[in-house]
Amino acid sequence: MCRAYLDFAATRPHLYRVLFARYRLEQPDVPTRTDPDADVQSMVGAEAFGALMGAVEDCIDAGASTEASPLQATIRLWVGLHGLAALHASLPWFPWPPTAPMLDQLIDRLTDLAEPDRLEVPR
């Protein structure tokens, strides 16, 4: 799932930027940061975020992660993925290490995977 996220950002950079554009037309049904009733389920992309959180919950339930909060681990992972995608797009000349091992380390650390070597789950 994480590789698919990065592949989407790399192969569809314009669409990826539009999805995360800071300035959008105001949408009356989309909550703002100051909206007391705002929650993850009401944000744009909630279904994709929910799928990511489901994968994190599966790792926790399987005992592969020591994280206590699936939401907190998912937020960290999403921030890391977005940062990696944005930096790759913004700084293509940077001497990036190979993406696959770096992504594996990012996933392991941001989701508190206890023993990443024993996992046989594709990322």
PDB file of N, CA and C in Angstrom:
ATOM      1  N   MET A   1       0.824  -1.182   0.000  1.00  0.00           N
ATOM      2  CA  MET A   1       0.000   0.000   0.000  1.00  0.00           C
ATOM      3  C   MET A   1       0.879   1.261   0.000  1.00  0.00           C
ATOM      4  N   CYS A   2       1.945   1.228   0.800  1.00  0.00           N
ATOM      5  CA  CYS A   2       2.844   2.387   0.869  1.00  0.00           C
ATOM      6  C   CYS A   2       3.576   2.588  -0.453  1.00  0.00           C
ATOM      7  N   ARG A   3       3.985   1.502  -1.076  1.00  0.00           N
ATOM      8  CA  ARG A   3       4.638   1.619  -2.392  1.00  0.00           C
ATOM      9  C   ARG A   3       3.663   2.178  -3.425  1.00  0.00           C
ATOM     10  N   ALA A   4       2.415   1.740  -3.362  1.00  0.00           N
ATOM     11  CA  ALA A   4       1.403   2.250  -4.296  1.00  0.00           C
ATOM     12  C   ALA A   4       1.204   3.757  -4.114  1.00  0.00           C
ATOM     13  N   TYR A   5       1.228   4.213  -2.871  1.00  0.00           N
ATOM     14  CA  TYR A   5       1.096   5.637  -2.572  1.00  0.00           C
ATOM     15  C   TYR A   5       2.223   6.420  -3.252  1.00  0.00           C
ATOM     16  N   LEU A   6       3.454   5.939  -3.051  1.00  0.00           N
ATOM     17  CA  LEU A   6       4.603   6.627  -3.643  1.00  0.00           C
ATOM     18  C   LEU A   6       4.612   6.505  -5.167  1.00  0.00           C
ATOM     19  N   ASP A   7       4.199   5.361  -5.695  1.00  0.00           N
ATOM     20  CA  ASP A   7       4.117   5.193  -7.148  1.00  0.00           C
ATOM     21  C   ASP A   7       3.106   6.158  -7.745  1.00  0.00           C
ATOM     22  N   PHE A   8       1.960   6.306  -7.086  1.00  0.00           N
ATOM     23  CA  PHE A   8       0.940   7.240  -7.564  1.00  0.00           C
ATOM     24  C   PHE A   8       1.501   8.658  -7.596  1.00  0.00           C
ATOM     25  N   ALA A   9       2.173   9.057  -6.510  1.00  0.00           N
ATOM     26  CA  ALA A   9       2.742  10.405  -6.446  1.00  0.00           C
ATOM     27  C   ALA A   9       3.783  10.625  -7.534  1.00  0.00           C
ATOM     28  N   ALA A  10       4.571   9.585  -7.840  1.00  0.00           N
ATOM     29  CA  ALA A  10       5.630   9.725  -8.838  1.00  0.00           C
ATOM     30  C   ALA A  10       5.097   9.687 -10.270  1.00  0.00           C
ATOM     31  N   THR A  11       4.093   8.862 -10.521  1.00  0.00           N
ATOM     32  CA  THR A  11       3.596   8.705 -11.894  1.00  0.00           C
ATOM     33  C   THR A  11       2.494   9.689 -12.245  1.00  0.00           C
ATOM     34  N   ARG A  12       1.884  10.279 -11.247  1.00  0.00           N
ATOM     35  CA  ARG A  12       0.819  11.265 -11.481  1.00  0.00           C
ATOM     36  C   ARG A  12       1.074  12.508 -10.633  1.00  0.00           C
ATOM     37  N   PRO A  13       2.228  13.160 -10.827  1.00  0.00           N
ATOM     38  CA  PRO A  13       2.612  14.259  -9.938  1.00  0.00           C
ATOM     39  C   PRO A  13       1.633  15.428  -9.939  1.00  0.00           C
ATOM     40  N   HIS A  14       1.038  15.724 -11.095  1.00  0.00           N
ATOM     41  CA  HIS A  14       0.104  16.858 -11.144  1.00  0.00           C
ATOM     42  C   HIS A  14      -1.172  16.543 -10.362  1.00  0.00           C
ATOM     43  N   LEU A  15      -1.697  15.344 -10.532  1.00  0.00           N
ATOM     44  CA  LEU A  15      -2.891  14.941  -9.794  1.00  0.00           C
ATOM     45  C   LEU A  15      -2.593  14.861  -8.299  1.00  0.00           C
ATOM     46  N   TYR A  16      -1.431  14.337  -7.948  1.00  0.00           N
ATOM     47  CA  TYR A  16      -1.041  14.263  -6.543  1.00  0.00           C
ATOM     48  C   TYR A  16      -1.009  15.662  -5.918  1.00  0.00           C
ATOM     49  N   ARG A  17      -0.433  16.627  -6.643  1.00  0.00           N
ATOM     50  CA  ARG A  17      -0.388  18.006  -6.130  1.00  0.00           C
ATOM     51  C   ARG A  17      -1.781  18.583  -5.968  1.00  0.00           C
ATOM     52  N   VAL A  18      -2.663  18.295  -6.915  1.00  0.00           N
ATOM     53  CA  VAL A  18      -4.030  18.799  -6.820  1.00  0.00           C
ATOM     54  C   VAL A  18      -4.724  18.223  -5.586  1.00  0.00           C
ATOM     55  N   LEU A  19      -4.506  16.943  -5.317  1.00  0.00           N
ATOM     56  CA  LEU A  19      -5.140  16.309  -4.166  1.00  0.00           C
ATOM     57  C   LEU A  19      -4.740  16.961  -2.851  1.00  0.00           C
ATOM     58  N   PHE A  20      -3.514  17.460  -2.780  1.00  0.00           N
ATOM     59  CA  PHE A  20      -3.024  18.042  -1.540  1.00  0.00           C
ATOM     60  C   PHE A  20      -2.833  19.553  -1.629  1.00  0.00           C
ATOM     61  N   ALA A  21      -3.456  20.176  -2.618  1.00  0.00           N
ATOM     62  CA  ALA A  21      -3.313  21.620  -2.792  1.00  0.00           C
ATOM     63  C   ALA A  21      -3.822  22.352  -1.559  1.00  0.00           C
ATOM     64  N   ARG A  22      -3.075  23.346  -1.164  1.00  0.00           N
ATOM     65  CA  ARG A  22      -3.446  24.120   0.020  1.00  0.00           C
ATOM     66  C   ARG A  22      -4.645  25.011  -0.263  1.00  0.00           C
ATOM     67  N   TYR A  23      -4.690  25.570  -1.453  1.00  0.00           N
ATOM     68  CA  TYR A  23      -5.759  26.503  -1.794  1.00  0.00           C
ATOM     69  C   TYR A  23      -6.766  25.795  -2.686  1.00  0.00           C
ATOM     70  N   ARG A  24      -7.952  25.628  -2.172  1.00  0.00           N
ATOM     71  CA  ARG A  24      -9.042  25.011  -2.909  1.00  0.00           C
ATOM     72  C   ARG A  24     -10.242  25.931  -2.822  1.00  0.00           C
ATOM     73  N   LEU A  25     -11.177  25.707  -3.699  1.00  0.00           N
ATOM     74  CA  LEU A  25     -12.439  26.431  -3.579  1.00  0.00           C
ATOM     75  C   LEU A  25     -13.101  25.982  -2.282  1.00  0.00           C
ATOM     76  N   GLU A  26     -13.722  26.908  -1.619  1.00  0.00           N
ATOM     77  CA  GLU A  26     -14.404  26.553  -0.371  1.00  0.00           C
ATOM     78  C   GLU A  26     -15.500  25.552  -0.656  1.00  0.00           C
ATOM     79  N   GLN A  27     -15.554  24.527   0.141  1.00  0.00           N
ATOM     80  CA  GLN A  27     -16.589  23.506   0.019  1.00  0.00           C
ATOM     81  C   GLN A  27     -17.374  23.505   1.318  1.00  0.00           C
ATOM     82  N   PRO A  28     -18.658  23.797   1.267  1.00  0.00           N
ATOM     83  CA  PRO A  28     -19.428  23.951   2.496  1.00  0.00           C
ATOM     84  C   PRO A  28     -19.514  22.688   3.351  1.00  0.00           C
ATOM     85  N   ASP A  29     -19.401  21.516   2.769  1.00  0.00           N
ATOM     86  CA  ASP A  29     -19.545  20.289   3.556  1.00  0.00           C
ATOM     87  C   ASP A  29     -18.211  19.742   4.062  1.00  0.00           C
ATOM     88  N   VAL A  30     -17.103  20.414   3.765  1.00  0.00           N
ATOM     89  CA  VAL A  30     -15.794  19.969   4.232  1.00  0.00           C
ATOM     90  C   VAL A  30     -15.431  20.769   5.477  1.00  0.00           C
ATOM     91  N   PRO A  31     -15.182  20.081   6.602  1.00  0.00           N
ATOM     92  CA  PRO A  31     -14.885  20.804   7.844  1.00  0.00           C
ATOM     93  C   PRO A  31     -13.554  21.541   7.777  1.00  0.00           C
ATOM     94  N   THR A  32     -13.443  22.548   8.597  1.00  0.00           N
ATOM     95  CA  THR A  32     -12.198  23.290   8.712  1.00  0.00           C
ATOM     96  C   THR A  32     -11.477  22.828   9.975  1.00  0.00           C
ATOM     97  N   ARG A  33     -10.250  23.279  10.123  1.00  0.00           N
ATOM     98  CA  ARG A  33      -9.452  22.890  11.299  1.00  0.00           C
ATOM     99  C   ARG A  33     -10.110  23.344  12.590  1.00  0.00           C
ATOM    100  N   THR A  34     -10.872  24.417  12.538  1.00  0.00           N
ATOM    101  CA  THR A  34     -11.512  24.949  13.744  1.00  0.00           C
ATOM    102  C   THR A  34     -12.898  24.363  13.984  1.00  0.00           C
ATOM    103  N   ASP A  35     -13.356  23.488  13.110  1.00  0.00           N
ATOM    104  CA  ASP A  35     -14.680  22.876  13.241  1.00  0.00           C
ATOM    105  C   ASP A  35     -14.643  21.839  14.370  1.00  0.00           C
ATOM    106  N   PRO A  36     -15.430  22.035  15.442  1.00  0.00           N
ATOM    107  CA  PRO A  36     -15.379  21.093  16.566  1.00  0.00           C
ATOM    108  C   PRO A  36     -15.897  19.698  16.220  1.00  0.00           C
ATOM    109  N   ASP A  37     -16.669  19.575  15.145  1.00  0.00           N
ATOM    110  CA  ASP A  37     -17.211  18.274  14.756  1.00  0.00           C
ATOM    111  C   ASP A  37     -16.363  17.564  13.694  1.00  0.00           C
ATOM    112  N   ALA A  38     -15.247  18.167  13.313  1.00  0.00           N
ATOM    113  CA  ALA A  38     -14.398  17.574  12.279  1.00  0.00           C
ATOM    114  C   ALA A  38     -13.759  16.297  12.804  1.00  0.00           C
ATOM    115  N   ASP A  39     -13.685  15.294  11.941  1.00  0.00           N
ATOM    116  CA  ASP A  39     -12.988  14.069  12.301  1.00  0.00           C
ATOM    117  C   ASP A  39     -12.385  13.469  11.037  1.00  0.00           C
ATOM    118  N   VAL A  40     -11.623  12.421  11.203  1.00  0.00           N
ATOM    119  CA  VAL A  40     -10.912  11.805  10.088  1.00  0.00           C
ATOM    120  C   VAL A  40     -11.888  11.320   9.011  1.00  0.00           C
ATOM    121  N   GLN A  41     -13.036  10.803   9.431  1.00  0.00           N
ATOM    122  CA  GLN A  41     -13.991  10.265   8.462  1.00  0.00           C
ATOM    123  C   GLN A  41     -14.600  11.327   7.551  1.00  0.00           C
ATOM    124  N   SER A  42     -14.503  12.598   7.937  1.00  0.00           N
ATOM    125  CA  SER A  42     -15.103  13.646   7.123  1.00  0.00           C
ATOM    126  C   SER A  42     -14.110  14.339   6.192  1.00  0.00           C
ATOM    127  N   MET A  43     -12.843  13.949   6.232  1.00  0.00           N
ATOM    128  CA  MET A  43     -11.857  14.621   5.391  1.00  0.00           C
ATOM    129  C   MET A  43     -11.846  14.039   3.981  1.00  0.00           C
ATOM    130  N   VAL A  44     -11.363  14.833   3.045  1.00  0.00           N
ATOM    131  CA  VAL A  44     -11.161  14.350   1.699  1.00  0.00           C
ATOM    132  C   VAL A  44     -10.097  13.264   1.766  1.00  0.00           C
ATOM    133  N   GLY A  45     -10.343  12.113   1.164  1.00  0.00           N
ATOM    134  CA  GLY A  45      -9.391  11.016   1.210  1.00  0.00           C
ATOM    135  C   GLY A  45      -9.571  10.106   2.404  1.00  0.00           C
ATOM    136  N   ALA A  46     -10.708  10.236   3.104  1.00  0.00           N
ATOM    137  CA  ALA A  46     -10.937   9.437   4.311  1.00  0.00           C
ATOM    138  C   ALA A  46     -10.905   7.942   4.023  1.00  0.00           C
ATOM    139  N   GLU A  47     -11.399   7.527   2.878  1.00  0.00           N
ATOM    140  CA  GLU A  47     -11.413   6.097   2.554  1.00  0.00           C
ATOM    141  C   GLU A  47      -9.987   5.548   2.412  1.00  0.00           C
ATOM    142  N   ALA A  48      -9.130   6.299   1.744  1.00  0.00           N
ATOM    143  CA  ALA A  48      -7.738   5.867   1.576  1.00  0.00           C
ATOM    144  C   ALA A  48      -7.018   5.862   2.928  1.00  0.00           C
ATOM    145  N   PHE A  49      -7.259   6.881   3.738  1.00  0.00           N
ATOM    146  CA  PHE A  49      -6.646   6.937   5.062  1.00  0.00           C
ATOM    147  C   PHE A  49      -7.131   5.763   5.905  1.00  0.00           C
ATOM    148  N   GLY A  50      -8.425   5.439   5.785  1.00  0.00           N
ATOM    149  CA  GLY A  50      -8.991   4.309   6.519  1.00  0.00           C
ATOM    150  C   GLY A  50      -8.353   2.988   6.112  1.00  0.00           C
ATOM    151  N   ALA A  51      -8.074   2.822   4.821  1.00  0.00           N
ATOM    152  CA  ALA A  51      -7.411   1.599   4.349  1.00  0.00           C
ATOM    153  C   ALA A  51      -6.002   1.502   4.929  1.00  0.00           C
ATOM    154  N   LEU A  52      -5.295   2.622   4.968  1.00  0.00           N
ATOM    155  CA  LEU A  52      -3.957   2.641   5.549  1.00  0.00           C
ATOM    156  C   LEU A  52      -4.017   2.305   7.039  1.00  0.00           C
ATOM    157  N   MET A  53      -4.996   2.887   7.729  1.00  0.00           N
ATOM    158  CA  MET A  53      -5.135   2.610   9.144  1.00  0.00           C
ATOM    159  C   MET A  53      -5.525   1.143   9.376  1.00  0.00           C
ATOM    160  N   GLY A  54      -6.313   0.572   8.498  1.00  0.00           N
ATOM    161  CA  GLY A  54      -6.652  -0.843   8.619  1.00  0.00           C
ATOM    162  C   GLY A  54      -5.416  -1.726   8.535  1.00  0.00           C
ATOM    163  N   ALA A  55      -4.496  -1.377   7.647  1.00  0.00           N
ATOM    164  CA  ALA A  55      -3.249  -2.146   7.527  1.00  0.00           C
ATOM    165  C   ALA A  55      -2.407  -2.002   8.792  1.00  0.00           C
ATOM    166  N   VAL A  56      -2.358  -0.797   9.341  1.00  0.00           N
ATOM    167  CA  VAL A  56      -1.614  -0.573  10.588  1.00  0.00           C
ATOM    168  C   VAL A  56      -2.270  -1.361  11.729  1.00  0.00           C
ATOM    169  N   GLU A  57      -3.595  -1.335  11.799  1.00  0.00           N
ATOM    170  CA  GLU A  57      -4.311  -2.092  12.836  1.00  0.00           C
ATOM    171  C   GLU A  57      -4.020  -3.585  12.715  1.00  0.00           C
ATOM    172  N   ASP A  58      -3.943  -4.088  11.475  1.00  0.00           N
ATOM    173  CA  ASP A  58      -3.619  -5.503  11.269  1.00  0.00           C
ATOM    174  C   ASP A  58      -2.243  -5.841  11.847  1.00  0.00           C
ATOM    175  N   CYS A  59      -1.286  -4.947  11.657  1.00  0.00           N
ATOM    176  CA  CYS A  59       0.061  -5.169  12.213  1.00  0.00           C
ATOM    177  C   CYS A  59       0.027  -5.178  13.737  1.00  0.00           C
ATOM    178  N   ILE A  60      -0.735  -4.264  14.302  1.00  0.00           N
ATOM    179  CA  ILE A  60      -0.850  -4.196  15.768  1.00  0.00           C
ATOM    180  C   ILE A  60      -1.533  -5.454  16.293  1.00  0.00           C
ATOM    181  N   ASP A  61      -2.652  -5.833  15.650  1.00  0.00           N
ATOM    182  CA  ASP A  61      -3.394  -7.023  16.082  1.00  0.00           C
ATOM    183  C   ASP A  61      -2.555  -8.293  15.971  1.00  0.00           C
ATOM    184  N   ALA A  62      -1.671  -8.346  14.984  1.00  0.00           N
ATOM    185  CA  ALA A  62      -0.816  -9.525  14.788  1.00  0.00           C
ATOM    186  C   ALA A  62       0.380  -9.528  15.742  1.00  0.00           C
ATOM    187  N   GLY A  63       0.524  -8.464  16.520  1.00  0.00           N
ATOM    188  CA  GLY A  63       1.641  -8.377  17.444  1.00  0.00           C
ATOM    189  C   GLY A  63       2.937  -7.931  16.791  1.00  0.00           C
ATOM    190  N   ALA A  64       2.858  -7.480  15.542  1.00  0.00           N
ATOM    191  CA  ALA A  64       4.055  -7.059  14.824  1.00  0.00           C
ATOM    192  C   ALA A  64       4.438  -5.621  15.149  1.00  0.00           C
ATOM    193  N   SER A  65       3.518  -4.872  15.736  1.00  0.00           N
ATOM    194  CA  SER A  65       3.793  -3.489  16.109  1.00  0.00           C
ATOM    195  C   SER A  65       3.539  -3.315  17.591  1.00  0.00           C
ATOM    196  N   THR A  66       4.387  -2.529  18.228  1.00  0.00           N
ATOM    197  CA  THR A  66       4.218  -2.235  19.646  1.00  0.00           C
ATOM    198  C   THR A  66       3.420  -0.956  19.871  1.00  0.00           C
ATOM    199  N   GLU A  67       2.942  -0.353  18.813  1.00  0.00           N
ATOM    200  CA  GLU A  67       2.175   0.894  18.901  1.00  0.00           C
ATOM    201  C   GLU A  67       0.854   0.656  19.634  1.00  0.00           C
ATOM    202  N   ALA A  68       0.494   1.587  20.497  1.00  0.00           N
ATOM    203  CA  ALA A  68      -0.764   1.492  21.233  1.00  0.00           C
ATOM    204  C   ALA A  68      -1.917   2.149  20.474  1.00  0.00           C
ATOM    205  N   SER A  69      -1.618   3.118  19.636  1.00  0.00           N
ATOM    206  CA  SER A  69      -2.662   3.869  18.945  1.00  0.00           C
ATOM    207  C   SER A  69      -2.544   3.703  17.434  1.00  0.00           C
ATOM    208  N   PRO A  70      -3.474   2.960  16.813  1.00  0.00           N
ATOM    209  CA  PRO A  70      -3.443   2.840  15.352  1.00  0.00           C
ATOM    210  C   PRO A  70      -3.543   4.200  14.659  1.00  0.00           C
ATOM    211  N   LEU A  71      -4.341   5.089  15.222  1.00  0.00           N
ATOM    212  CA  LEU A  71      -4.494   6.411  14.609  1.00  0.00           C
ATOM    213  C   LEU A  71      -3.175   7.170  14.618  1.00  0.00           C
ATOM    214  N   GLN A  72      -2.480   7.184  15.745  1.00  0.00           N
ATOM    215  CA  GLN A  72      -1.215   7.915  15.823  1.00  0.00           C
ATOM    216  C   GLN A  72      -0.170   7.319  14.887  1.00  0.00           C
ATOM    217  N   ALA A  73      -0.092   5.996  14.819  1.00  0.00           N
ATOM    218  CA  ALA A  73       0.877   5.355  13.920  1.00  0.00           C
ATOM    219  C   ALA A  73       0.533   5.644  12.464  1.00  0.00           C
ATOM    220  N   THR A  74      -0.744   5.647  12.138  1.00  0.00           N
ATOM    221  CA  THR A  74      -1.169   5.912  10.759  1.00  0.00           C
ATOM    222  C   THR A  74      -0.866   7.353  10.376  1.00  0.00           C
ATOM    223  N   ILE A  75      -1.095   8.267  11.286  1.00  0.00           N
ATOM    224  CA  ILE A  75      -0.770   9.676  11.011  1.00  0.00           C
ATOM    225  C   ILE A  75       0.727   9.824  10.757  1.00  0.00           C
ATOM    226  N   ARG A  76       1.556   9.213  11.597  1.00  0.00           N
ATOM    227  CA  ARG A  76       3.011   9.292  11.391  1.00  0.00           C
ATOM    228  C   ARG A  76       3.398   8.709  10.034  1.00  0.00           C
ATOM    229  N   LEU A  77       2.825   7.568   9.699  1.00  0.00           N
ATOM    230  CA  LEU A  77       3.145   6.925   8.432  1.00  0.00           C
ATOM    231  C   LEU A  77       2.717   7.787   7.260  1.00  0.00           C
ATOM    232  N   TRP A  78       1.528   8.360   7.324  1.00  0.00           N
ATOM    233  CA  TRP A  78       1.017   9.211   6.249  1.00  0.00           C
ATOM    234  C   TRP A  78       1.897  10.447   6.081  1.00  0.00           C
ATOM    235  N   VAL A  79       2.280  11.053   7.191  1.00  0.00           N
ATOM    236  CA  VAL A  79       3.167  12.221   7.132  1.00  0.00           C
ATOM    237  C   VAL A  79       4.499  11.836   6.486  1.00  0.00           C
ATOM    238  N   GLY A  80       5.042  10.688   6.871  1.00  0.00           N
ATOM    239  CA  GLY A  80       6.301  10.226   6.287  1.00  0.00           C
ATOM    240  C   GLY A  80       6.187   9.949   4.801  1.00  0.00           C
ATOM    241  N   LEU A  81       5.117   9.278   4.398  1.00  0.00           N
ATOM    242  CA  LEU A  81       4.918   8.986   2.972  1.00  0.00           C
ATOM    243  C   LEU A  81       4.753  10.265   2.168  1.00  0.00           C
ATOM    244  N   HIS A  82       3.938  11.167   2.685  1.00  0.00           N
ATOM    245  CA  HIS A  82       3.714  12.427   1.981  1.00  0.00           C
ATOM    246  C   HIS A  82       5.008  13.233   1.889  1.00  0.00           C
ATOM    247  N   GLY A  83       5.751  13.261   2.971  1.00  0.00           N
ATOM    248  CA  GLY A  83       7.023  13.982   2.956  1.00  0.00           C
ATOM    249  C   GLY A  83       7.993  13.396   1.943  1.00  0.00           C
ATOM    250  N   LEU A  84       8.096  12.079   1.905  1.00  0.00           N
ATOM    251  CA  LEU A  84       8.982  11.428   0.949  1.00  0.00           C
ATOM    252  C   LEU A  84       8.542  11.709  -0.486  1.00  0.00           C
ATOM    253  N   ALA A  85       7.243  11.600  -0.739  1.00  0.00           N
ATOM    254  CA  ALA A  85       6.726  11.869  -2.089  1.00  0.00           C
ATOM    255  C   ALA A  85       6.977  13.318  -2.499  1.00  0.00           C
ATOM    256  N   ALA A  86       6.701  14.240  -1.587  1.00  0.00           N
ATOM    257  CA  ALA A  86       6.872  15.661  -1.897  1.00  0.00           C
ATOM    258  C   ALA A  86       8.345  16.017  -2.098  1.00  0.00           C
ATOM    259  N   LEU A  87       9.206  15.469  -1.267  1.00  0.00           N
ATOM    260  CA  LEU A  87      10.627  15.773  -1.408  1.00  0.00           C
ATOM    261  C   LEU A  87      11.221  15.164  -2.678  1.00  0.00           C
ATOM    262  N   HIS A  88      10.810  13.962  -3.016  1.00  0.00           N
ATOM    263  CA  HIS A  88      11.277  13.359  -4.272  1.00  0.00           C
ATOM    264  C   HIS A  88      10.879  14.222  -5.463  1.00  0.00           C
ATOM    265  N   ALA A  89       9.655  14.745  -5.440  1.00  0.00           N
ATOM    266  CA  ALA A  89       9.182  15.583  -6.537  1.00  0.00           C
ATOM    267  C   ALA A  89       9.890  16.929  -6.568  1.00  0.00           C
ATOM    268  N   SER A  90      10.139  17.491  -5.394  1.00  0.00           N
ATOM    269  CA  SER A  90      10.748  18.823  -5.313  1.00  0.00           C
ATOM    270  C   SER A  90      12.256  18.816  -5.520  1.00  0.00           C
ATOM    271  N   LEU A  91      12.914  17.723  -5.141  1.00  0.00           N
ATOM    272  CA  LEU A  91      14.374  17.659  -5.199  1.00  0.00           C
ATOM    273  C   LEU A  91      14.846  16.405  -5.940  1.00  0.00           C
ATOM    274  N   PRO A  92      14.503  16.282  -7.217  1.00  0.00           N
ATOM    275  CA  PRO A  92      14.878  15.063  -7.937  1.00  0.00           C
ATOM    276  C   PRO A  92      16.396  14.896  -8.078  1.00  0.00           C
ATOM    277  N   TRP A  93      17.140  15.966  -7.967  1.00  0.00           N
ATOM    278  CA  TRP A  93      18.597  15.926  -8.107  1.00  0.00           C
ATOM    279  C   TRP A  93      19.299  15.461  -6.834  1.00  0.00           C
ATOM    280  N   PHE A  94      18.575  15.419  -5.700  1.00  0.00           N
ATOM    281  CA  PHE A  94      19.170  15.032  -4.430  1.00  0.00           C
ATOM    282  C   PHE A  94      19.678  13.586  -4.524  1.00  0.00           C
ATOM    283  N   PRO A  95      20.785  13.260  -3.880  1.00  0.00           N
ATOM    284  CA  PRO A  95      21.322  11.895  -3.968  1.00  0.00           C
ATOM    285  C   PRO A  95      20.530  10.904  -3.100  1.00  0.00           C
ATOM    286  N   TRP A  96      19.301  10.635  -3.514  1.00  0.00           N
ATOM    287  CA  TRP A  96      18.419   9.746  -2.754  1.00  0.00           C
ATOM    288  C   TRP A  96      18.969   8.329  -2.725  1.00  0.00           C
ATOM    289  N   PRO A  97      18.879   7.682  -1.569  1.00  0.00           N
ATOM    290  CA  PRO A  97      19.219   6.258  -1.531  1.00  0.00           C
ATOM    291  C   PRO A  97      18.111   5.480  -2.248  1.00  0.00           C
ATOM    292  N   PRO A  98      18.324   4.207  -2.544  1.00  0.00           N
ATOM    293  CA  PRO A  98      17.276   3.421  -3.193  1.00  0.00           C
ATOM    294  C   PRO A  98      15.976   3.488  -2.374  1.00  0.00           C
ATOM    295  N   THR A  99      14.875   3.660  -3.067  1.00  0.00           N
ATOM    296  CA  THR A  99      13.591   3.893  -2.405  1.00  0.00           C
ATOM    297  C   THR A  99      13.108   2.705  -1.591  1.00  0.00           C
ATOM    298  N   ALA A 100      13.215   1.490  -2.110  1.00  0.00           N
ATOM    299  CA  ALA A 100      12.637   0.328  -1.421  1.00  0.00           C
ATOM    300  C   ALA A 100      13.195   0.131  -0.010  1.00  0.00           C
ATOM    301  N   PRO A 101      14.518   0.090   0.177  1.00  0.00           N
ATOM    302  CA  PRO A 101      15.017  -0.091   1.546  1.00  0.00           C
ATOM    303  C   PRO A 101      14.691   1.100   2.454  1.00  0.00           C
ATOM    304  N   MET A 102      14.743   2.298   1.891  1.00  0.00           N
ATOM    305  CA  MET A 102      14.420   3.471   2.694  1.00  0.00           C
ATOM    306  C   MET A 102      12.948   3.436   3.112  1.00  0.00           C
ATOM    307  N   LEU A 103      12.076   3.027   2.211  1.00  0.00           N
ATOM    308  CA  LEU A 103      10.656   2.927   2.533  1.00  0.00           C
ATOM    309  C   LEU A 103      10.425   1.868   3.609  1.00  0.00           C
ATOM    310  N   ASP A 104      11.102   0.738   3.492  1.00  0.00           N
ATOM    311  CA  ASP A 104      10.968  -0.307   4.517  1.00  0.00           C
ATOM    312  C   ASP A 104      11.355   0.227   5.894  1.00  0.00           C
ATOM    313  N   GLN A 105      12.460   0.955   5.974  1.00  0.00           N
ATOM    314  CA  GLN A 105      12.889   1.518   7.253  1.00  0.00           C
ATOM    315  C   GLN A 105      11.887   2.552   7.764  1.00  0.00           C
ATOM    316  N   LEU A 106      11.369   3.366   6.866  1.00  0.00           N
ATOM    317  CA  LEU A 106      10.387   4.384   7.238  1.00  0.00           C
ATOM    318  C   LEU A 106       9.138   3.725   7.829  1.00  0.00           C
ATOM    319  N   ILE A 107       8.642   2.702   7.168  1.00  0.00           N
ATOM    320  CA  ILE A 107       7.456   1.992   7.654  1.00  0.00           C
ATOM    321  C   ILE A 107       7.731   1.369   9.019  1.00  0.00           C
ATOM    322  N   ASP A 108       8.850   0.675   9.125  1.00  0.00           N
ATOM    323  CA  ASP A 108       9.194  -0.001  10.383  1.00  0.00           C
ATOM    324  C   ASP A 108       9.244   0.970  11.547  1.00  0.00           C
ATOM    325  N   ARG A 109       9.894   2.084  11.344  1.00  0.00           N
ATOM    326  CA  ARG A 109      10.098   3.026  12.443  1.00  0.00           C
ATOM    327  C   ARG A 109       8.859   3.842  12.763  1.00  0.00           C
ATOM    328  N   LEU A 110       8.121   4.255  11.744  1.00  0.00           N
ATOM    329  CA  LEU A 110       6.956   5.105  11.990  1.00  0.00           C
ATOM    330  C   LEU A 110       5.763   4.344  12.546  1.00  0.00           C
ATOM    331  N   THR A 111       5.750   3.037  12.358  1.00  0.00           N
ATOM    332  CA  THR A 111       4.637   2.240  12.884  1.00  0.00           C
ATOM    333  C   THR A 111       5.058   1.361  14.045  1.00  0.00           C
ATOM    334  N   ASP A 112       6.268   1.545  14.534  1.00  0.00           N
ATOM    335  CA  ASP A 112       6.796   0.782  15.668  1.00  0.00           C
ATOM    336  C   ASP A 112       6.719  -0.720  15.441  1.00  0.00           C
ATOM    337  N   LEU A 113       7.124  -1.159  14.256  1.00  0.00           N
ATOM    338  CA  LEU A 113       7.139  -2.597  14.000  1.00  0.00           C
ATOM    339  C   LEU A 113       8.191  -3.232  14.896  1.00  0.00           C
ATOM    340  N   ALA A 114       7.774  -4.254  15.597  1.00  0.00           N
ATOM    341  CA  ALA A 114       8.634  -4.882  16.599  1.00  0.00           C
ATOM    342  C   ALA A 114       9.742  -5.709  15.969  1.00  0.00           C
ATOM    343  N   GLU A 115       9.398  -6.547  15.025  1.00  0.00           N
ATOM    344  CA  GLU A 115      10.369  -7.428  14.387  1.00  0.00           C
ATOM    345  C   GLU A 115      10.105  -7.437  12.886  1.00  0.00           C
ATOM    346  N   PRO A 116      10.552  -6.415  12.165  1.00  0.00           N
ATOM    347  CA  PRO A 116      10.226  -6.313  10.747  1.00  0.00           C
ATOM    348  C   PRO A 116      10.720  -7.490   9.917  1.00  0.00           C
ATOM    349  N   ASP A 117      11.782  -8.177  10.341  1.00  0.00           N
ATOM    350  CA  ASP A 117      12.306  -9.284   9.549  1.00  0.00           C
ATOM    351  C   ASP A 117      11.354 -10.461   9.484  1.00  0.00           C
ATOM    352  N   ARG A 118      10.473 -10.592  10.455  1.00  0.00           N
ATOM    353  CA  ARG A 118       9.581 -11.741  10.445  1.00  0.00           C
ATOM    354  C   ARG A 118       8.295 -11.486   9.660  1.00  0.00           C
ATOM    355  N   LEU A 119       8.076 -10.264   9.236  1.00  0.00           N
ATOM    356  CA  LEU A 119       6.862  -9.941   8.488  1.00  0.00           C
ATOM    357  C   LEU A 119       6.986 -10.417   7.053  1.00  0.00           C
ATOM    358  N   GLU A 120       5.945 -11.011   6.543  1.00  0.00           N
ATOM    359  CA  GLU A 120       5.921 -11.438   5.158  1.00  0.00           C
ATOM    360  C   GLU A 120       4.833 -10.700   4.397  1.00  0.00           C
ATOM    361  N   VAL A 121       4.467  -9.524   4.896  1.00  0.00           N
ATOM    362  CA  VAL A 121       3.412  -8.744   4.293  1.00  0.00           C
ATOM    363  C   VAL A 121       4.010  -7.805   3.265  1.00  0.00           C
ATOM    364  N   PRO A 122       3.510  -7.799   2.006  1.00  0.00           N
ATOM    365  CA  PRO A 122       4.040  -6.832   1.033  1.00  0.00           C
ATOM    366  C   PRO A 122       3.693  -5.418   1.451  1.00  0.00           C
ATOM    367  N   ARG A 123       4.618  -4.514   1.212  1.00  0.00           N
ATOM    368  CA  ARG A 123       4.410  -3.119   1.610  1.00  0.00           C
ATOM    369  C   ARG A 123       4.028  -2.322   0.426  1.00  0.00           C
TER     370      ARG A 123
END
